[in-house]
Amino acid sequence: MPQQMPLVSVVTPSYNQAQYLEQTMLSVLDQDYPHIEYWVMDGGSSDGSVDIIKKHASRLAGWASEKDKGQADAVNKGFSRASGDIVGWLNSDDLYYPGAIAGAVKAFQAHPEASIVFSDVNSVDGEGIAFNRMRFGDWKLEDLMRFNIISQPGVFMRRSVLEKAGYLGLDYHFLLDVELWLRMAAIAEPFYVPDVVWSAARMHADAKNRAQALKFGPEAFRIAKWLCQDERFYPSSAKNYKQIWAGAYRIDAFYRVEAEDYPGALKSYREMLKLQPIQAPKAYARLVKSLINIMGFKNLGKTYEHLREKIGKKRLRE
């Protein structure tokens, strides 16, 4: 007997992203999976985003354009409206690739115990050209506690677990997805789908991971402290204490490099290595970039980064 086709709800928070919004919306609306409801929650945009939403309103389950308390609040409004058994969250500058939703449904059907399912994710530039693949692994709760980060557009959630875990915390603005995955993974383990890419995360100058990079580290340290204090994560938190804090320092260093705070990045990398030297390979490329720049060879650092991006694009074409 064939399995029942579950409803999939997708939520897109939006605020003044008209440049990318229509491409994002069409990447959802043009999926080949027939049982989708799509919610677009706009924060009161003034750049033409509302006109784009209205253009496709007949294909949406619903939308709103009103002032909110930030990204988490907008996403939570969509979650509260979602009625699907599976929930996706796609920001207004990211993309689903064809077949993404059908692939997620298949993964949940094969693994009914999973809280979330996730795939690798491409990094794309402002033109939508992929220049890097974020490759993950069969990560479970302890891996997530060590700050093995899953890219948010590649994640689909089981709504029953999302409801039990609670929605996004309004006091997180940068690692809000990381904190949610941890709460969900504490209820039921995630499942990784290898050798497939469901989505793309767009990297551009106005994206939070670049424009507000220095604000990510403090949230990583907050999460590390929470993990070590919350009984839901004990005894794993005690066993993984050094790995948790080494991971937090690695995240802080990563985003300090994004902000071109190379001295600060090196300090965090030093703390990471004190706690867990084995994490060095994960930080190698950015550690090299920091050293190049701190020695005064800024042009060489830019050349190094450009070369890595060029090699990444070539590999993805092959």
Protein backbone atom coordinates (compact mmCIF):
# COMPACT_ATOMS: atom_id res chain seq x y z
CA MET A 1 0.00 0.00 0.00
CA PRO A 2 1.55 3.37 -1.02
CA GLN A 3 2.45 5.84 1.72
CA GLN A 4 0.21 8.86 2.15
CA MET A 5 1.63 12.02 0.62
CA PRO A 6 2.36 14.41 3.52
CA LEU A 7 1.74 18.15 3.34
CA VAL A 8 4.92 20.23 3.39
CA SER A 9 4.80 23.78 4.75
CA VAL A 10 7.51 26.25 3.72
CA VAL A 11 8.03 29.58 5.49
CA THR A 12 9.97 32.52 4.03
CA PRO A 13 10.70 35.55 6.22
CA SER A 14 11.33 38.66 4.14
CA TYR A 15 12.49 42.20 4.68
CA ASN A 16 13.70 44.50 1.89
CA GLN A 17 15.12 41.66 -0.22
CA ALA A 18 13.32 42.49 -3.48
CA GLN A 19 16.50 41.83 -5.43
CA TYR A 20 16.33 38.13 -4.59
CA LEU A 21 12.80 37.51 -3.30
CA GLU A 22 11.09 36.45 -6.54
CA GLN A 23 13.80 33.93 -7.36
CA THR A 24 13.44 32.50 -3.85
CA MET A 25 9.67 32.27 -4.11
CA LEU A 26 9.73 30.63 -7.52
CA SER A 27 12.23 28.06 -6.27
CA VAL A 28 9.49 26.94 -3.86
CA LEU A 29 6.45 27.41 -6.09
CA ASP A 30 8.01 25.54 -9.01
CA GLN A 31 8.90 22.41 -7.02
CA ASP A 32 7.64 19.17 -8.54
CA TYR A 33 6.11 17.99 -5.26
CA PRO A 34 2.34 18.63 -5.46
CA HIS A 35 1.38 18.97 -1.80
CA ILE A 36 2.95 22.23 -0.56
CA GLU A 37 1.64 25.21 1.37
CA TYR A 38 3.83 28.31 1.22
CA TRP A 39 3.80 31.21 3.69
CA VAL A 40 5.68 34.48 3.13
CA MET A 41 6.03 36.66 6.22
CA ASP A 42 7.27 40.13 5.30
CA GLY A 43 8.44 42.60 7.92
CA GLY A 44 6.94 45.69 6.29
CA SER A 45 9.32 46.08 3.35
CA SER A 46 9.52 49.36 1.45
CA ASP A 47 11.60 48.22 -1.54
CA GLY A 48 8.96 46.63 -3.78
CA SER A 49 8.93 43.25 -2.03
CA VAL A 50 5.21 43.48 -1.33
CA ASP A 51 4.46 43.91 -5.05
CA ILE A 52 6.44 40.73 -5.74
CA ILE A 53 4.52 38.84 -3.05
CA LYS A 54 1.18 40.10 -4.41
CA LYS A 55 2.18 38.98 -7.91
CA HIS A 56 2.32 35.38 -6.68
CA ALA A 57 -0.31 35.63 -3.92
CA SER A 58 -2.75 33.27 -5.65
CA ARG A 59 -0.18 30.46 -5.30
CA LEU A 60 0.49 31.10 -1.60
CA ALA A 61 -1.23 29.62 1.42
CA GLY A 62 -0.98 33.10 2.90
CA TRP A 63 1.23 36.09 3.48
CA ALA A 64 1.54 39.16 5.66
CA SER A 65 3.49 42.40 5.55
CA GLU A 66 3.74 44.01 8.96
CA LYS A 67 6.32 45.22 11.43
CA ASP A 68 7.81 42.38 13.47
CA LYS A 69 10.45 41.85 16.14
CA GLY A 70 13.04 40.50 13.73
CA GLN A 71 13.74 37.37 11.74
CA ALA A 72 12.88 34.90 14.50
CA ASP A 73 9.52 36.56 15.08
CA ALA A 74 8.71 36.51 11.35
CA VAL A 75 9.64 32.82 11.03
CA ASN A 76 7.65 31.95 14.15
CA LYS A 77 4.58 33.64 12.69
CA GLY A 78 4.93 31.34 9.70
CA PHE A 79 5.50 28.28 11.90
CA SER A 80 2.31 29.06 13.83
CA ARG A 81 0.34 29.07 10.58
CA ALA A 82 1.97 25.96 9.12
CA SER A 83 -0.20 22.85 9.08
CA GLY A 84 2.11 20.48 7.21
CA ASP A 85 3.68 17.38 8.73
CA ILE A 86 7.03 18.64 7.39
CA VAL A 87 8.24 22.23 7.64
CA GLY A 88 10.93 24.04 5.66
CA TRP A 89 12.34 27.50 6.36
CA LEU A 90 13.85 29.34 3.40
CA ASN A 91 15.17 32.88 3.78
CA SER A 92 14.32 35.43 1.11
CA ASP A 93 17.76 35.37 -0.52
CA ASP A 94 18.23 31.58 -0.56
CA LEU A 95 17.02 28.92 -3.00
CA TYR A 96 15.65 25.41 -3.25
CA TYR A 97 16.89 23.33 -6.14
CA PRO A 98 14.40 21.24 -8.20
CA GLY A 99 13.39 18.10 -6.37
CA ALA A 100 14.38 19.39 -2.93
CA ILE A 101 11.01 18.99 -1.25
CA ALA A 102 10.32 15.59 -2.80
CA GLY A 103 13.75 14.50 -1.59
CA ALA A 104 13.05 15.66 1.96
CA VAL A 105 9.71 13.84 2.02
CA LYS A 106 11.38 10.64 0.84
CA ALA A 107 14.01 10.98 3.57
CA PHE A 108 11.39 11.40 6.30
CA GLN A 109 9.41 8.45 5.00
CA ALA A 110 12.55 6.30 5.11
CA HIS A 111 13.46 7.58 8.59
CA PRO A 112 10.28 8.20 10.56
CA GLU A 113 12.31 8.60 13.76
CA ALA A 114 14.19 11.70 12.51
CA SER A 115 13.58 15.15 13.99
CA ILE A 116 15.15 16.92 11.01
CA VAL A 117 16.58 15.80 7.70
CA PHE A 118 19.31 17.77 5.95
CA SER A 119 21.54 17.77 2.88
CA ASP A 120 24.68 19.53 1.77
CA VAL A 121 24.20 23.15 0.65
CA ASN A 122 25.83 25.21 -2.08
CA SER A 123 27.16 28.69 -1.37
CA VAL A 124 26.16 30.97 -4.26
CA ASP A 125 27.09 34.54 -5.08
CA GLY A 126 24.77 37.44 -5.82
CA GLU A 127 24.21 36.10 -9.34
CA GLY A 128 23.28 32.66 -8.07
CA ILE A 129 26.53 31.02 -9.22
CA ALA A 130 27.76 28.28 -6.88
CA PHE A 131 31.34 28.74 -5.66
CA ASN A 132 31.49 26.32 -2.72
CA ARG A 133 29.72 23.25 -1.37
CA MET A 134 29.14 23.09 2.37
CA ARG A 135 29.59 19.40 3.07
CA PHE A 136 28.19 17.95 6.25
CA GLY A 137 28.04 14.44 7.67
CA ASP A 138 25.88 12.00 9.58
CA TRP A 139 25.77 14.38 12.52
CA LYS A 140 23.78 13.57 15.62
CA LEU A 141 23.15 15.52 18.82
CA GLU A 142 26.72 15.34 20.14
CA ASP A 143 28.09 16.53 16.79
CA LEU A 144 25.76 19.55 16.83
CA MET A 145 26.79 20.28 20.42
CA ARG A 146 30.38 20.54 19.15
CA PHE A 147 29.28 23.30 16.73
CA ASN A 148 29.21 21.23 13.59
CA ILE A 149 26.97 23.71 11.82
CA ILE A 150 24.20 22.65 9.43
CA SER A 151 23.28 25.28 6.85
CA GLN A 152 19.69 26.30 7.54
CA PRO A 153 18.21 26.20 3.98
CA GLY A 154 19.22 22.54 3.69
CA VAL A 155 17.07 21.53 6.69
CA PHE A 156 13.51 20.23 6.81
CA MET A 157 11.77 19.66 10.16
CA ARG A 158 9.19 17.21 11.46
CA ARG A 159 6.45 19.52 12.71
CA SER A 160 5.51 17.33 15.69
CA VAL A 161 9.09 17.63 17.02
CA LEU A 162 9.20 21.36 16.23
CA GLU A 163 6.01 21.89 18.24
CA LYS A 164 7.42 19.90 21.16
CA ALA A 165 10.78 21.71 21.10
CA GLY A 166 9.25 25.17 20.72
CA TYR A 167 9.85 27.75 18.01
CA LEU A 168 12.82 30.05 17.49
CA GLY A 169 14.10 31.97 20.50
CA LEU A 170 13.46 35.69 20.05
CA ASP A 171 16.65 36.52 21.94
CA TYR A 172 18.82 34.92 19.24
CA HIS A 173 19.44 36.83 16.02
CA PHE A 174 22.45 35.15 14.38
CA LEU A 175 22.67 31.51 15.49
CA LEU A 176 18.94 31.14 16.01
CA ASP A 177 18.80 28.09 13.75
CA VAL A 178 21.70 26.39 15.57
CA GLU A 179 19.89 26.74 18.91
CA LEU A 180 16.66 25.35 17.44
CA TRP A 181 18.36 22.31 15.85
CA LEU A 182 19.90 21.51 19.24
CA ARG A 183 16.55 21.59 21.02
CA MET A 184 15.00 19.38 18.34
CA ALA A 185 17.96 16.97 18.31
CA ALA A 186 17.62 16.59 22.09
CA ILE A 187 14.16 15.10 21.42
CA ALA A 188 15.00 12.95 18.37
CA GLU A 189 18.17 12.56 16.32
CA PRO A 190 18.70 14.26 12.93
CA PHE A 191 19.26 12.37 9.68
CA TYR A 192 21.75 13.39 6.98
CA VAL A 193 21.06 12.66 3.30
CA PRO A 194 24.46 12.29 1.57
CA ASP A 195 25.43 12.96 -2.04
CA VAL A 196 22.62 15.41 -2.71
CA VAL A 197 22.19 19.20 -2.58
CA TRP A 198 18.70 20.49 -1.90
CA SER A 199 19.40 24.19 -1.57
CA ALA A 200 21.68 27.18 -1.95
CA ALA A 201 22.66 29.83 0.59
CA ARG A 202 23.37 33.17 -1.00
CA MET A 203 26.47 35.03 0.14
CA HIS A 204 26.43 38.77 -0.54
CA ALA A 205 27.63 41.95 1.12
CA ASP A 206 24.32 42.65 2.89
CA ALA A 207 23.90 39.13 4.28
CA LYS A 208 24.07 38.91 8.08
CA ASN A 209 27.05 36.58 8.05
CA ARG A 210 29.10 39.36 6.47
CA ALA A 211 27.40 42.62 7.42
CA GLN A 212 27.12 41.72 11.12
CA ALA A 213 29.80 39.05 11.43
CA LEU A 214 31.14 40.16 14.81
CA LYS A 215 27.79 39.41 16.48
CA PHE A 216 27.91 35.67 15.79
CA GLY A 217 30.66 34.83 18.28
CA PRO A 218 28.84 36.13 21.39
CA GLU A 219 25.84 33.97 20.52
CA ALA A 220 28.11 30.93 20.07
CA PHE A 221 29.46 31.48 23.59
CA ARG A 222 25.91 31.86 24.94
CA ILE A 223 24.93 28.56 23.34
CA ALA A 224 28.05 26.84 24.73
CA LYS A 225 27.20 28.03 28.24
CA TRP A 226 23.58 26.93 27.84
CA LEU A 227 24.61 23.49 26.60
CA CYS A 228 26.80 23.01 29.68
CA GLN A 229 24.02 24.07 32.08
CA ASP A 230 20.83 22.62 30.59
CA GLU A 231 19.98 19.16 31.96
CA ARG A 232 18.66 18.06 28.55
CA PHE A 233 22.25 17.82 27.33
CA TYR A 234 23.76 16.08 30.37
CA PRO A 235 25.83 13.84 30.57
CA SER A 236 26.92 14.53 26.96
CA SER A 237 27.80 18.12 27.90
CA ALA A 238 30.20 16.95 30.61
CA LYS A 239 31.85 14.43 28.29
CA ASN A 240 32.16 16.99 25.48
CA TYR A 241 32.94 20.10 27.54
CA LYS A 242 36.22 20.92 25.77
CA GLN A 243 34.80 20.13 22.34
CA ILE A 244 31.81 22.39 22.96
CA TRP A 245 33.94 25.39 23.94
CA ALA A 246 36.53 24.70 21.22
CA GLY A 247 33.67 24.73 18.72
CA ALA A 248 32.38 28.05 20.06
CA TYR A 249 35.84 29.62 19.69
CA ARG A 250 36.08 28.21 16.15
CA ILE A 251 32.76 29.85 15.22
CA ASP A 252 33.87 33.15 16.77
CA ALA A 253 37.14 33.02 14.82
CA PHE A 254 35.34 32.12 11.57
CA TYR A 255 33.15 35.21 11.73
CA ARG A 256 35.98 37.45 12.88
CA VAL A 257 37.73 36.53 9.64
CA GLU A 258 34.53 37.51 7.78
CA ALA A 259 34.72 40.88 9.56
CA GLU A 260 38.46 41.16 8.76
CA ASP A 261 39.29 41.19 12.49
CA TYR A 262 42.34 39.00 11.96
CA PRO A 263 44.01 39.62 15.35
CA GLY A 264 40.77 38.69 17.10
CA ALA A 265 40.40 35.62 14.90
CA LEU A 266 43.89 34.41 15.79
CA LYS A 267 43.15 34.82 19.51
CA SER A 268 40.04 32.68 19.18
CA TYR A 269 41.86 30.09 17.08
CA ARG A 270 44.54 29.94 19.80
CA GLU A 271 41.87 29.24 22.44
CA MET A 272 40.32 26.61 20.19
CA LEU A 273 43.64 24.83 19.76
CA LYS A 274 44.32 24.87 23.51
CA LEU A 275 41.03 23.10 24.11
CA GLN A 276 41.05 20.72 21.16
CA PRO A 277 44.00 20.68 18.70
CA ILE A 278 42.18 18.14 16.55
CA GLN A 279 39.88 20.94 15.29
CA ALA A 280 42.79 22.55 13.41
CA PRO A 281 41.91 21.02 9.99
CA LYS A 282 38.43 22.60 10.13
CA ALA A 283 40.02 26.02 10.58
CA TYR A 284 43.04 25.63 8.30
CA ALA A 285 42.01 27.88 5.39
CA ARG A 286 40.84 30.79 7.55
CA LEU A 287 43.78 30.44 9.90
CA VAL A 288 46.12 30.81 6.91
CA LYS A 289 44.15 33.82 5.68
CA SER A 290 44.38 35.45 9.12
CA LEU A 291 48.12 34.92 9.31
CA ILE A 292 48.64 36.34 5.81
CA ASN A 293 46.64 39.46 6.61
CA ILE A 294 48.07 40.05 10.09
CA MET A 295 51.57 39.99 8.59
CA GLY A 296 50.55 42.87 6.35
CA PHE A 297 50.09 41.02 3.09
CA LYS A 298 46.49 42.11 2.52
CA ASN A 299 46.65 41.83 -1.27
CA LEU A 300 48.06 38.33 -0.95
CA GLY A 301 45.17 37.45 1.36
CA LYS A 302 42.67 38.66 -1.25
CA THR A 303 44.47 36.66 -3.93
CA TYR A 304 44.40 33.57 -1.72
CA GLU A 305 40.64 33.94 -1.13
CA HIS A 306 39.97 34.59 -4.84
CA LEU A 307 41.96 31.50 -5.80
CA ARG A 308 40.03 29.33 -3.33
CA GLU A 309 36.72 30.61 -4.73
CA LYS A 310 37.88 30.02 -8.32
CA ILE A 311 38.96 26.46 -7.49
CA GLY A 312 35.63 25.89 -5.73
CA LYS A 313 33.62 26.98 -8.79
CA LYS A 314 35.73 24.74 -11.04
CA ARG A 315 35.18 21.71 -8.82
CA LEU A 316 31.42 22.26 -8.74
CA ARG A 317 31.32 22.41 -12.56
CA GLU A 318 33.20 19.12 -12.88
